[in-house]
Amino acid sequence: MVANSDYGTKMDDVILESLKPQVEDMALGKYLNHIDMRMDALCEDFSALCEDVNGKLSGLEVKIERVRGDFAKMTAMFGGMSAAAVAVATVITSILR
């Protein structure tokens, strides 16, 4: 039977041996460079998303302003038509009296 201290030591050695390549990579800065590259890619993706959203919002603002202008023209046209209709009704009413 293996004593706890022997088992613990052997397990520690196995764990340390399995982690050795990653520790060496970290010591050489390889792993951190990998994280930096991933973070840079994430930042680039986020920036592209922000630009895309801002572009769509700008396009939406242009469309809203166009609709506002069209609405103002239609309101003026209907207002003019309403005024003309009131004038015609007034004339007809005065003729029929």
PDB file of N, CA and C in Angstrom:
ATOM      1  N   MET A   1       0.830  -1.175   0.000  1.00  0.00           N
ATOM      2  CA  MET A   1       0.000   0.000   0.000  1.00  0.00           C
ATOM      3  C   MET A   1       0.879   1.245   0.000  1.00  0.00           C
ATOM      4  N   VAL A   2       0.412   2.300  -0.739  1.00  0.00           N
ATOM      5  CA  VAL A   2       1.182   3.538  -0.858  1.00  0.00           C
ATOM      6  C   VAL A   2       0.749   4.496   0.230  1.00  0.00           C
ATOM      7  N   ALA A   3       1.693   5.079   0.934  1.00  0.00           N
ATOM      8  CA  ALA A   3       1.385   6.033   2.003  1.00  0.00           C
ATOM      9  C   ALA A   3       0.873   7.328   1.408  1.00  0.00           C
ATOM     10  N   ASN A   4       0.074   8.076   2.164  1.00  0.00           N
ATOM     11  CA  ASN A   4      -0.486   9.342   1.695  1.00  0.00           C
ATOM     12  C   ASN A   4       0.593  10.304   1.219  1.00  0.00           C
ATOM     13  N   SER A   5       1.662  10.374   1.963  1.00  0.00           N
ATOM     14  CA  SER A   5       2.728  11.302   1.592  1.00  0.00           C
ATOM     15  C   SER A   5       3.343  10.916   0.258  1.00  0.00           C
ATOM     16  N   ASP A   6       3.512   9.611   0.018  1.00  0.00           N
ATOM     17  CA  ASP A   6       4.046   9.167  -1.273  1.00  0.00           C
ATOM     18  C   ASP A   6       3.055   9.466  -2.390  1.00  0.00           C
ATOM     19  N   TYR A   7       1.773   9.206  -2.140  1.00  0.00           N
ATOM     20  CA  TYR A   7       0.740   9.427  -3.147  1.00  0.00           C
ATOM     21  C   TYR A   7       0.640  10.912  -3.477  1.00  0.00           C
ATOM     22  N   GLY A   8       0.648  11.727  -2.409  1.00  0.00           N
ATOM     23  CA  GLY A   8       0.569  13.172  -2.621  1.00  0.00           C
ATOM     24  C   GLY A   8       1.757  13.675  -3.404  1.00  0.00           C
ATOM     25  N   THR A   9       2.917  13.197  -3.110  1.00  0.00           N
ATOM     26  CA  THR A   9       4.121  13.628  -3.810  1.00  0.00           C
ATOM     27  C   THR A   9       4.068  13.206  -5.267  1.00  0.00           C
ATOM     28  N   LYS A  10       3.660  11.964  -5.523  1.00  0.00           N
ATOM     29  CA  LYS A  10       3.570  11.494  -6.903  1.00  0.00           C
ATOM     30  C   LYS A  10       2.514  12.284  -7.675  1.00  0.00           C
ATOM     31  N   MET A  11       1.366  12.562  -7.047  1.00  0.00           N
ATOM     32  CA  MET A  11       0.314  13.338  -7.709  1.00  0.00           C
ATOM     33  C   MET A  11       0.784  14.765  -7.977  1.00  0.00           C
ATOM     34  N   ASP A  12       1.490  15.331  -7.010  1.00  0.00           N
ATOM     35  CA  ASP A  12       2.034  16.673  -7.207  1.00  0.00           C
ATOM     36  C   ASP A  12       2.978  16.693  -8.403  1.00  0.00           C
ATOM     37  N   ASP A  13       3.837  15.668  -8.489  1.00  0.00           N
ATOM     38  CA  ASP A  13       4.778  15.580  -9.602  1.00  0.00           C
ATOM     39  C   ASP A  13       4.041  15.458 -10.936  1.00  0.00           C
ATOM     40  N   VAL A  14       2.996  14.644 -10.970  1.00  0.00           N
ATOM     41  CA  VAL A  14       2.219  14.470 -12.208  1.00  0.00           C
ATOM     42  C   VAL A  14       1.559  15.785 -12.610  1.00  0.00           C
ATOM     43  N   ILE A  15       0.958  16.455 -11.646  1.00  0.00           N
ATOM     44  CA  ILE A  15       0.287  17.733 -11.940  1.00  0.00           C
ATOM     45  C   ILE A  15       1.290  18.775 -12.406  1.00  0.00           C
ATOM     46  N   LEU A  16       2.404  18.877 -11.687  1.00  0.00           N
ATOM     47  CA  LEU A  16       3.428  19.854 -12.065  1.00  0.00           C
ATOM     48  C   LEU A  16       3.998  19.546 -13.449  1.00  0.00           C
ATOM     49  N   GLU A  17       4.207  18.269 -13.734  1.00  0.00           N
ATOM     50  CA  GLU A  17       4.743  17.883 -15.044  1.00  0.00           C
ATOM     51  C   GLU A  17       3.750  18.221 -16.155  1.00  0.00           C
ATOM     52  N   SER A  18       2.461  18.035 -15.897  1.00  0.00           N
ATOM     53  CA  SER A  18       1.463  18.335 -16.932  1.00  0.00           C
ATOM     54  C   SER A  18       1.314  19.837 -17.147  1.00  0.00           C
ATOM     55  N   LEU A  19       1.572  20.630 -16.113  1.00  0.00           N
ATOM     56  CA  LEU A  19       1.459  22.084 -16.229  1.00  0.00           C
ATOM     57  C   LEU A  19       2.740  22.751 -16.723  1.00  0.00           C
ATOM     58  N   LYS A  20       3.812  22.001 -16.747  1.00  0.00           N
ATOM     59  CA  LYS A  20       5.118  22.559 -17.088  1.00  0.00           C
ATOM     60  C   LYS A  20       5.125  23.285 -18.446  1.00  0.00           C
ATOM     61  N   PRO A  21       4.572  22.718 -19.524  1.00  0.00           N
ATOM     62  CA  PRO A  21       4.594  23.439 -20.801  1.00  0.00           C
ATOM     63  C   PRO A  21       3.871  24.790 -20.733  1.00  0.00           C
ATOM     64  N   GLN A  22       2.721  24.830 -20.052  1.00  0.00           N
ATOM     65  CA  GLN A  22       1.996  26.101 -19.951  1.00  0.00           C
ATOM     66  C   GLN A  22       2.759  27.114 -19.106  1.00  0.00           C
ATOM     67  N   VAL A  23       3.396  26.644 -18.044  1.00  0.00           N
ATOM     68  CA  VAL A  23       4.174  27.543 -17.201  1.00  0.00           C
ATOM     69  C   VAL A  23       5.357  28.110 -17.989  1.00  0.00           C
ATOM     70  N   GLU A  24       5.997  27.258 -18.767  1.00  0.00           N
ATOM     71  CA  GLU A  24       7.121  27.724 -19.593  1.00  0.00           C
ATOM     72  C   GLU A  24       6.649  28.742 -20.628  1.00  0.00           C
ATOM     73  N   ASP A  25       5.495  28.467 -21.248  1.00  0.00           N
ATOM     74  CA  ASP A  25       4.939  29.421 -22.214  1.00  0.00           C
ATOM     75  C   ASP A  25       4.638  30.755 -21.549  1.00  0.00           C
ATOM     76  N   MET A  26       4.085  30.694 -20.350  1.00  0.00           N
ATOM     77  CA  MET A  26       3.787  31.931 -19.630  1.00  0.00           C
ATOM     78  C   MET A  26       5.067  32.667 -19.282  1.00  0.00           C
ATOM     79  N   ALA A  27       6.094  31.929 -18.898  1.00  0.00           N
ATOM     80  CA  ALA A  27       7.374  32.551 -18.552  1.00  0.00           C
ATOM     81  C   ALA A  27       7.975  33.238 -19.770  1.00  0.00           C
ATOM     82  N   LEU A  28       7.739  32.679 -20.942  1.00  0.00           N
ATOM     83  CA  LEU A  28       8.264  33.278 -22.171  1.00  0.00           C
ATOM     84  C   LEU A  28       7.324  34.341 -22.739  1.00  0.00           C
ATOM     85  N   GLY A  29       6.161  34.524 -22.123  1.00  0.00           N
ATOM     86  CA  GLY A  29       5.213  35.536 -22.596  1.00  0.00           C
ATOM     87  C   GLY A  29       4.320  35.050 -23.715  1.00  0.00           C
ATOM     88  N   LYS A  30       4.404  33.778 -24.115  1.00  0.00           N
ATOM     89  CA  LYS A  30       3.601  33.279 -25.230  1.00  0.00           C
ATOM     90  C   LYS A  30       2.113  33.289 -24.882  1.00  0.00           C
ATOM     91  N   TYR A  31       1.788  32.821 -23.710  1.00  0.00           N
ATOM     92  CA  TYR A  31       0.366  32.726 -23.332  1.00  0.00           C
ATOM     93  C   TYR A  31      -0.251  34.110 -23.199  1.00  0.00           C
ATOM     94  N   LEU A  32       0.515  35.033 -22.621  1.00  0.00           N
ATOM     95  CA  LEU A  32       0.016  36.393 -22.473  1.00  0.00           C
ATOM     96  C   LEU A  32      -0.165  37.059 -23.822  1.00  0.00           C
ATOM     97  N   ASN A  33       0.735  36.777 -24.754  1.00  0.00           N
ATOM     98  CA  ASN A  33       0.576  37.312 -26.111  1.00  0.00           C
ATOM     99  C   ASN A  33      -0.700  36.792 -26.738  1.00  0.00           C
ATOM    100  N   HIS A  34      -1.009  35.537 -26.490  1.00  0.00           N
ATOM    101  CA  HIS A  34      -2.230  34.940 -27.019  1.00  0.00           C
ATOM    102  C   HIS A  34      -3.456  35.669 -26.457  1.00  0.00           C
ATOM    103  N   ILE A  35      -3.420  35.953 -25.163  1.00  0.00           N
ATOM    104  CA  ILE A  35      -4.525  36.686 -24.543  1.00  0.00           C
ATOM    105  C   ILE A  35      -4.616  38.092 -25.118  1.00  0.00           C
ATOM    106  N   ASP A  36      -3.481  38.745 -25.308  1.00  0.00           N
ATOM    107  CA  ASP A  36      -3.462  40.088 -25.890  1.00  0.00           C
ATOM    108  C   ASP A  36      -4.043  40.078 -27.296  1.00  0.00           C
ATOM    109  N   MET A  37      -3.689  39.075 -28.091  1.00  0.00           N
ATOM    110  CA  MET A  37      -4.215  38.988 -29.454  1.00  0.00           C
ATOM    111  C   MET A  37      -5.724  38.795 -29.441  1.00  0.00           C
ATOM    112  N   ARG A  38      -6.210  37.956 -28.539  1.00  0.00           N
ATOM    113  CA  ARG A  38      -7.654  37.727 -28.428  1.00  0.00           C
ATOM    114  C   ARG A  38      -8.361  39.011 -27.999  1.00  0.00           C
ATOM    115  N   MET A  39      -7.752  39.719 -27.061  1.00  0.00           N
ATOM    116  CA  MET A  39      -8.347  40.969 -26.589  1.00  0.00           C
ATOM    117  C   MET A  39      -8.355  42.016 -27.698  1.00  0.00           C
ATOM    118  N   ASP A  40      -7.276  42.101 -28.471  1.00  0.00           N
ATOM    119  CA  ASP A  40      -7.229  43.026 -29.605  1.00  0.00           C
ATOM    120  C   ASP A  40      -8.314  42.691 -30.623  1.00  0.00           C
ATOM    121  N   ALA A  41      -8.492  41.411 -30.911  1.00  0.00           N
ATOM    122  CA  ALA A  41      -9.527  40.996 -31.862  1.00  0.00           C
ATOM    123  C   ALA A  41     -10.913  41.352 -31.335  1.00  0.00           C
ATOM    124  N   LEU A  42     -11.123  41.165 -30.052  1.00  0.00           N
ATOM    125  CA  LEU A  42     -12.403  41.505 -29.438  1.00  0.00           C
ATOM    126  C   LEU A  42     -12.657  43.006 -29.527  1.00  0.00           C
ATOM    127  N   CYS A  43     -11.641  43.807 -29.266  1.00  0.00           N
ATOM    128  CA  CYS A  43     -11.774  45.266 -29.361  1.00  0.00           C
ATOM    129  C   CYS A  43     -12.067  45.703 -30.788  1.00  0.00           C
ATOM    130  N   GLU A  44     -11.410  45.084 -31.757  1.00  0.00           N
ATOM    131  CA  GLU A  44     -11.665  45.404 -33.159  1.00  0.00           C
ATOM    132  C   GLU A  44     -13.102  45.058 -33.545  1.00  0.00           C
ATOM    133  N   ASP A  45     -13.580  43.898 -33.092  1.00  0.00           N
ATOM    134  CA  ASP A  45     -14.957  43.498 -33.372  1.00  0.00           C
ATOM    135  C   ASP A  45     -15.939  44.486 -32.754  1.00  0.00           C
ATOM    136  N   PHE A  46     -15.661  44.913 -31.535  1.00  0.00           N
ATOM    137  CA  PHE A  46     -16.543  45.864 -30.862  1.00  0.00           C
ATOM    138  C   PHE A  46     -16.544  47.210 -31.581  1.00  0.00           C
ATOM    139  N   SER A  47     -15.372  47.657 -32.025  1.00  0.00           N
ATOM    140  CA  SER A  47     -15.278  48.924 -32.751  1.00  0.00           C
ATOM    141  C   SER A  47     -16.055  48.853 -34.061  1.00  0.00           C
ATOM    142  N   ALA A  48     -15.927  47.725 -34.761  1.00  0.00           N
ATOM    143  CA  ALA A  48     -16.660  47.548 -36.020  1.00  0.00           C
ATOM    144  C   ALA A  48     -18.161  47.559 -35.759  1.00  0.00           C
ATOM    145  N   LEU A  49     -18.583  46.930 -34.690  1.00  0.00           N
ATOM    146  CA  LEU A  49     -19.997  46.915 -34.332  1.00  0.00           C
ATOM    147  C   LEU A  49     -20.491  48.326 -34.033  1.00  0.00           C
ATOM    148  N   CYS A  50     -19.697  49.089 -33.288  1.00  0.00           N
ATOM    149  CA  CYS A  50     -20.078  50.473 -32.970  1.00  0.00           C
ATOM    150  C   CYS A  50     -20.198  51.306 -34.240  1.00  0.00           C
ATOM    151  N   GLU A  51     -19.249  51.157 -35.161  1.00  0.00           N
ATOM    152  CA  GLU A  51     -19.302  51.898 -36.421  1.00  0.00           C
ATOM    153  C   GLU A  51     -20.542  51.513 -37.221  1.00  0.00           C
ATOM    154  N   ASP A  52     -20.855  50.219 -37.246  1.00  0.00           N
ATOM    155  CA  ASP A  52     -22.026  49.740 -37.973  1.00  0.00           C
ATOM    156  C   ASP A  52     -23.303  50.321 -37.372  1.00  0.00           C
ATOM    157  N   VAL A  53     -23.407  50.284 -36.057  1.00  0.00           N
ATOM    158  CA  VAL A  53     -24.604  50.831 -35.384  1.00  0.00           C
ATOM    159  C   VAL A  53     -24.701  52.333 -35.611  1.00  0.00           C
ATOM    160  N   ASN A  54     -23.583  53.040 -35.484  1.00  0.00           N
ATOM    161  CA  ASN A  54     -23.602  54.489 -35.703  1.00  0.00           C
ATOM    162  C   ASN A  54     -24.002  54.825 -37.125  1.00  0.00           C
ATOM    163  N   GLY A  55     -23.502  54.047 -38.092  1.00  0.00           N
ATOM    164  CA  GLY A  55     -23.876  54.265 -39.490  1.00  0.00           C
ATOM    165  C   GLY A  55     -25.363  54.050 -39.709  1.00  0.00           C
ATOM    166  N   LYS A  56     -25.906  53.010 -39.101  1.00  0.00           N
ATOM    167  CA  LYS A  56     -27.337  52.733 -39.236  1.00  0.00           C
ATOM    168  C   LYS A  56     -28.162  53.822 -38.564  1.00  0.00           C
ATOM    169  N   LEU A  57     -27.702  54.310 -37.402  1.00  0.00           N
ATOM    170  CA  LEU A  57     -28.419  55.388 -36.724  1.00  0.00           C
ATOM    171  C   LEU A  57     -28.399  56.667 -37.550  1.00  0.00           C
ATOM    172  N   SER A  58     -27.267  56.961 -38.182  1.00  0.00           N
ATOM    173  CA  SER A  58     -27.179  58.145 -39.033  1.00  0.00           C
ATOM    174  C   SER A  58     -28.132  58.030 -40.209  1.00  0.00           C
ATOM    175  N   GLY A  59     -28.178  56.851 -40.818  1.00  0.00           N
ATOM    176  CA  GLY A  59     -29.103  56.622 -41.925  1.00  0.00           C
ATOM    177  C   GLY A  59     -30.548  56.759 -41.480  1.00  0.00           C
ATOM    178  N   LEU A  60     -30.846  56.289 -40.291  1.00  0.00           N
ATOM    179  CA  LEU A  60     -32.195  56.400 -39.741  1.00  0.00           C
ATOM    180  C   LEU A  60     -32.553  57.861 -39.491  1.00  0.00           C
ATOM    181  N   GLU A  61     -31.605  58.643 -38.992  1.00  0.00           N
ATOM    182  CA  GLU A  61     -31.857  60.071 -38.759  1.00  0.00           C
ATOM    183  C   GLU A  61     -32.183  60.784 -40.064  1.00  0.00           C
ATOM    184  N   VAL A  62     -31.472  60.437 -41.134  1.00  0.00           N
ATOM    185  CA  VAL A  62     -31.736  61.040 -42.443  1.00  0.00           C
ATOM    186  C   VAL A  62     -33.144  60.690 -42.902  1.00  0.00           C
ATOM    187  N   LYS A  63     -33.536  59.422 -42.746  1.00  0.00           N
ATOM    188  CA  LYS A  63     -34.882  58.999 -43.148  1.00  0.00           C
ATOM    189  C   LYS A  63     -35.955  59.700 -42.323  1.00  0.00           C
ATOM    190  N   ILE A  64     -35.727  59.858 -41.021  1.00  0.00           N
ATOM    191  CA  ILE A  64     -36.690  60.541 -40.158  1.00  0.00           C
ATOM    192  C   ILE A  64     -36.864  61.989 -40.601  1.00  0.00           C
ATOM    193  N   GLU A  65     -35.769  62.654 -40.906  1.00  0.00           N
ATOM    194  CA  GLU A  65     -35.854  64.046 -41.361  1.00  0.00           C
ATOM    195  C   GLU A  65     -36.609  64.132 -42.691  1.00  0.00           C
ATOM    196  N   ARG A  66     -36.406  63.168 -43.572  1.00  0.00           N
ATOM    197  CA  ARG A  66     -37.114  63.142 -44.847  1.00  0.00           C
ATOM    198  C   ARG A  66     -38.620  62.977 -44.617  1.00  0.00           C
ATOM    199  N   VAL A  67     -38.988  62.079 -43.706  1.00  0.00           N
ATOM    200  CA  VAL A  67     -40.402  61.859 -43.383  1.00  0.00           C
ATOM    201  C   VAL A  67     -41.001  63.105 -42.752  1.00  0.00           C
ATOM    202  N   ARG A  68     -40.232  63.765 -41.881  1.00  0.00           N
ATOM    203  CA  ARG A  68     -40.726  65.012 -41.274  1.00  0.00           C
ATOM    204  C   ARG A  68     -41.010  66.060 -42.347  1.00  0.00           C
ATOM    205  N   GLY A  69     -40.102  66.191 -43.281  1.00  0.00           N
ATOM    206  CA  GLY A  69     -40.295  67.153 -44.374  1.00  0.00           C
ATOM    207  C   GLY A  69     -41.525  66.809 -45.202  1.00  0.00           C
ATOM    208  N   ASP A  70     -41.680  65.522 -45.538  1.00  0.00           N
ATOM    209  CA  ASP A  70     -42.856  65.094 -46.310  1.00  0.00           C
ATOM    210  C   ASP A  70     -44.137  65.353 -45.525  1.00  0.00           C
ATOM    211  N   PHE A  71     -44.106  65.074 -44.231  1.00  0.00           N
ATOM    212  CA  PHE A  71     -45.278  65.302 -43.384  1.00  0.00           C
ATOM    213  C   PHE A  71     -45.633  66.786 -43.339  1.00  0.00           C
ATOM    214  N   ALA A  72     -44.613  67.644 -43.227  1.00  0.00           N
ATOM    215  CA  ALA A  72     -44.857  69.094 -43.190  1.00  0.00           C
ATOM    216  C   ALA A  72     -45.490  69.557 -44.502  1.00  0.00           C
ATOM    217  N   LYS A  73     -45.005  69.036 -45.637  1.00  0.00           N
ATOM    218  CA  LYS A  73     -45.587  69.396 -46.934  1.00  0.00           C
ATOM    219  C   LYS A  73     -47.042  68.941 -47.027  1.00  0.00           C
ATOM    220  N   MET A  74     -47.293  67.696 -46.584  1.00  0.00           N
ATOM    221  CA  MET A  74     -48.653  67.170 -46.651  1.00  0.00           C
ATOM    222  C   MET A  74     -49.590  67.946 -45.728  1.00  0.00           C
ATOM    223  N   THR A  75     -49.092  68.303 -44.557  1.00  0.00           N
ATOM    224  CA  THR A  75     -49.909  69.076 -43.614  1.00  0.00           C
ATOM    225  C   THR A  75     -50.252  70.433 -44.204  1.00  0.00           C
ATOM    226  N   ALA A  76     -49.268  71.065 -44.831  1.00  0.00           N
ATOM    227  CA  ALA A  76     -49.511  72.361 -45.466  1.00  0.00           C
ATOM    228  C   ALA A  76     -50.506  72.217 -46.611  1.00  0.00           C
ATOM    229  N   MET A  77     -50.350  71.154 -47.408  1.00  0.00           N
ATOM    230  CA  MET A  77     -51.256  70.934 -48.532  1.00  0.00           C
ATOM    231  C   MET A  77     -52.674  70.690 -48.026  1.00  0.00           C
ATOM    232  N   PHE A  78     -52.840  69.836 -47.029  1.00  0.00           N
ATOM    233  CA  PHE A  78     -54.167  69.551 -46.481  1.00  0.00           C
ATOM    234  C   PHE A  78     -54.745  70.773 -45.782  1.00  0.00           C
ATOM    235  N   GLY A  79     -53.857  71.526 -45.129  1.00  0.00           N
ATOM    236  CA  GLY A  79     -54.320  72.766 -44.490  1.00  0.00           C
ATOM    237  C   GLY A  79     -54.843  73.735 -45.530  1.00  0.00           C
ATOM    238  N   GLY A  80     -54.130  73.852 -46.643  1.00  0.00           N
ATOM    239  CA  GLY A  80     -54.570  74.722 -47.737  1.00  0.00           C
ATOM    240  C   GLY A  80     -55.872  74.227 -48.344  1.00  0.00           C
ATOM    241  N   MET A  81     -55.971  72.892 -48.504  1.00  0.00           N
ATOM    242  CA  MET A  81     -57.199  72.320 -49.052  1.00  0.00           C
ATOM    243  C   MET A  81     -58.361  72.549 -48.096  1.00  0.00           C
ATOM    244  N   SER A  82     -58.105  72.442 -46.821  1.00  0.00           N
ATOM    245  CA  SER A  82     -59.147  72.674 -45.816  1.00  0.00           C
ATOM    246  C   SER A  82     -59.606  74.125 -45.852  1.00  0.00           C
ATOM    247  N   ALA A  83     -58.651  75.016 -45.942  1.00  0.00           N
ATOM    248  CA  ALA A  83     -58.997  76.436 -46.019  1.00  0.00           C
ATOM    249  C   ALA A  83     -59.806  76.712 -47.279  1.00  0.00           C
ATOM    250  N   ALA A  84     -59.411  76.110 -48.390  1.00  0.00           N
ATOM    251  CA  ALA A  84     -60.160  76.282 -49.644  1.00  0.00           C
ATOM    252  C   ALA A  84     -61.556  75.692 -49.518  1.00  0.00           C
ATOM    253  N   ALA A  85     -61.673  74.530 -48.885  1.00  0.00           N
ATOM    254  CA  ALA A  85     -62.985  73.908 -48.703  1.00  0.00           C
ATOM    255  C   ALA A  85     -63.889  74.787 -47.837  1.00  0.00           C
ATOM    256  N   VAL A  86     -63.338  75.389 -46.793  1.00  0.00           N
ATOM    257  CA  VAL A  86     -64.120  76.284 -45.936  1.00  0.00           C
ATOM    258  C   VAL A  86     -64.572  77.498 -46.728  1.00  0.00           C
ATOM    259  N   ALA A  87     -63.665  78.033 -47.547  1.00  0.00           N
ATOM    260  CA  ALA A  87     -64.020  79.201 -48.367  1.00  0.00           C
ATOM    261  C   ALA A  87     -65.128  78.850 -49.352  1.00  0.00           C
ATOM    262  N   VAL A  88     -65.041  77.705 -50.011  1.00  0.00           N
ATOM    263  CA  VAL A  88     -66.065  77.273 -50.968  1.00  0.00           C
ATOM    264  C   VAL A  88     -67.389  77.058 -50.244  1.00  0.00           C
ATOM    265  N   ALA A  89     -67.341  76.427 -49.091  1.00  0.00           N
ATOM    266  CA  ALA A  89     -68.565  76.199 -48.324  1.00  0.00           C
ATOM    267  C   ALA A  89     -69.195  77.518 -47.894  1.00  0.00           C
ATOM    268  N   THR A  90     -68.377  78.476 -47.532  1.00  0.00           N
ATOM    269  CA  THR A  90     -68.883  79.794 -47.131  1.00  0.00           C
ATOM    270  C   THR A  90     -69.563  80.476 -48.310  1.00  0.00           C
ATOM    271  N   VAL A  91     -68.932  80.415 -49.485  1.00  0.00           N
ATOM    272  CA  VAL A  91     -69.503  81.032 -50.688  1.00  0.00           C
ATOM    273  C   VAL A  91     -70.830  80.343 -51.041  1.00  0.00           C
ATOM    274  N   ILE A  92     -70.857  79.041 -51.042  1.00  0.00           N
ATOM    275  CA  ILE A  92     -72.065  78.296 -51.378  1.00  0.00           C
ATOM    276  C   ILE A  92     -73.182  78.619 -50.393  1.00  0.00           C
ATOM    277  N   THR A  93     -72.828  78.666 -49.112  1.00  0.00           N
ATOM    278  CA  THR A  93     -73.811  78.994 -48.084  1.00  0.00           C
ATOM    279  C   THR A  93     -74.378  80.383 -48.305  1.00  0.00           C
ATOM    280  N   SER A  94     -73.530  81.341 -48.629  1.00  0.00           N
ATOM    281  CA  SER A  94     -74.008  82.710 -48.840  1.00  0.00           C
ATOM    282  C   SER A  94     -74.869  82.809 -50.102  1.00  0.00           C
ATOM    283  N   ILE A  95     -74.585  82.023 -51.131  1.00  0.00           N
ATOM    284  CA  ILE A  95     -75.387  82.011 -52.373  1.00  0.00           C
ATOM    285  C   ILE A  95     -76.760  81.410 -52.100  1.00  0.00           C
ATOM    286  N   LEU A  96     -76.760  80.354 -51.306  1.00  0.00           N
ATOM    287  CA  LEU A  96     -78.022  79.647 -51.046  1.00  0.00           C
ATOM    288  C   LEU A  96     -78.919  80.402 -50.080  1.00  0.00           C
ATOM    289  N   ARG A  97     -78.498  81.410 -49.434  1.00  0.00           N
ATOM    290  CA  ARG A  97     -79.325  82.153 -48.493  1.00  0.00           C
ATOM    291  C   ARG A  97     -80.149  83.105 -49.213  1.00  0.00           C
TER     292      ARG A  97
END
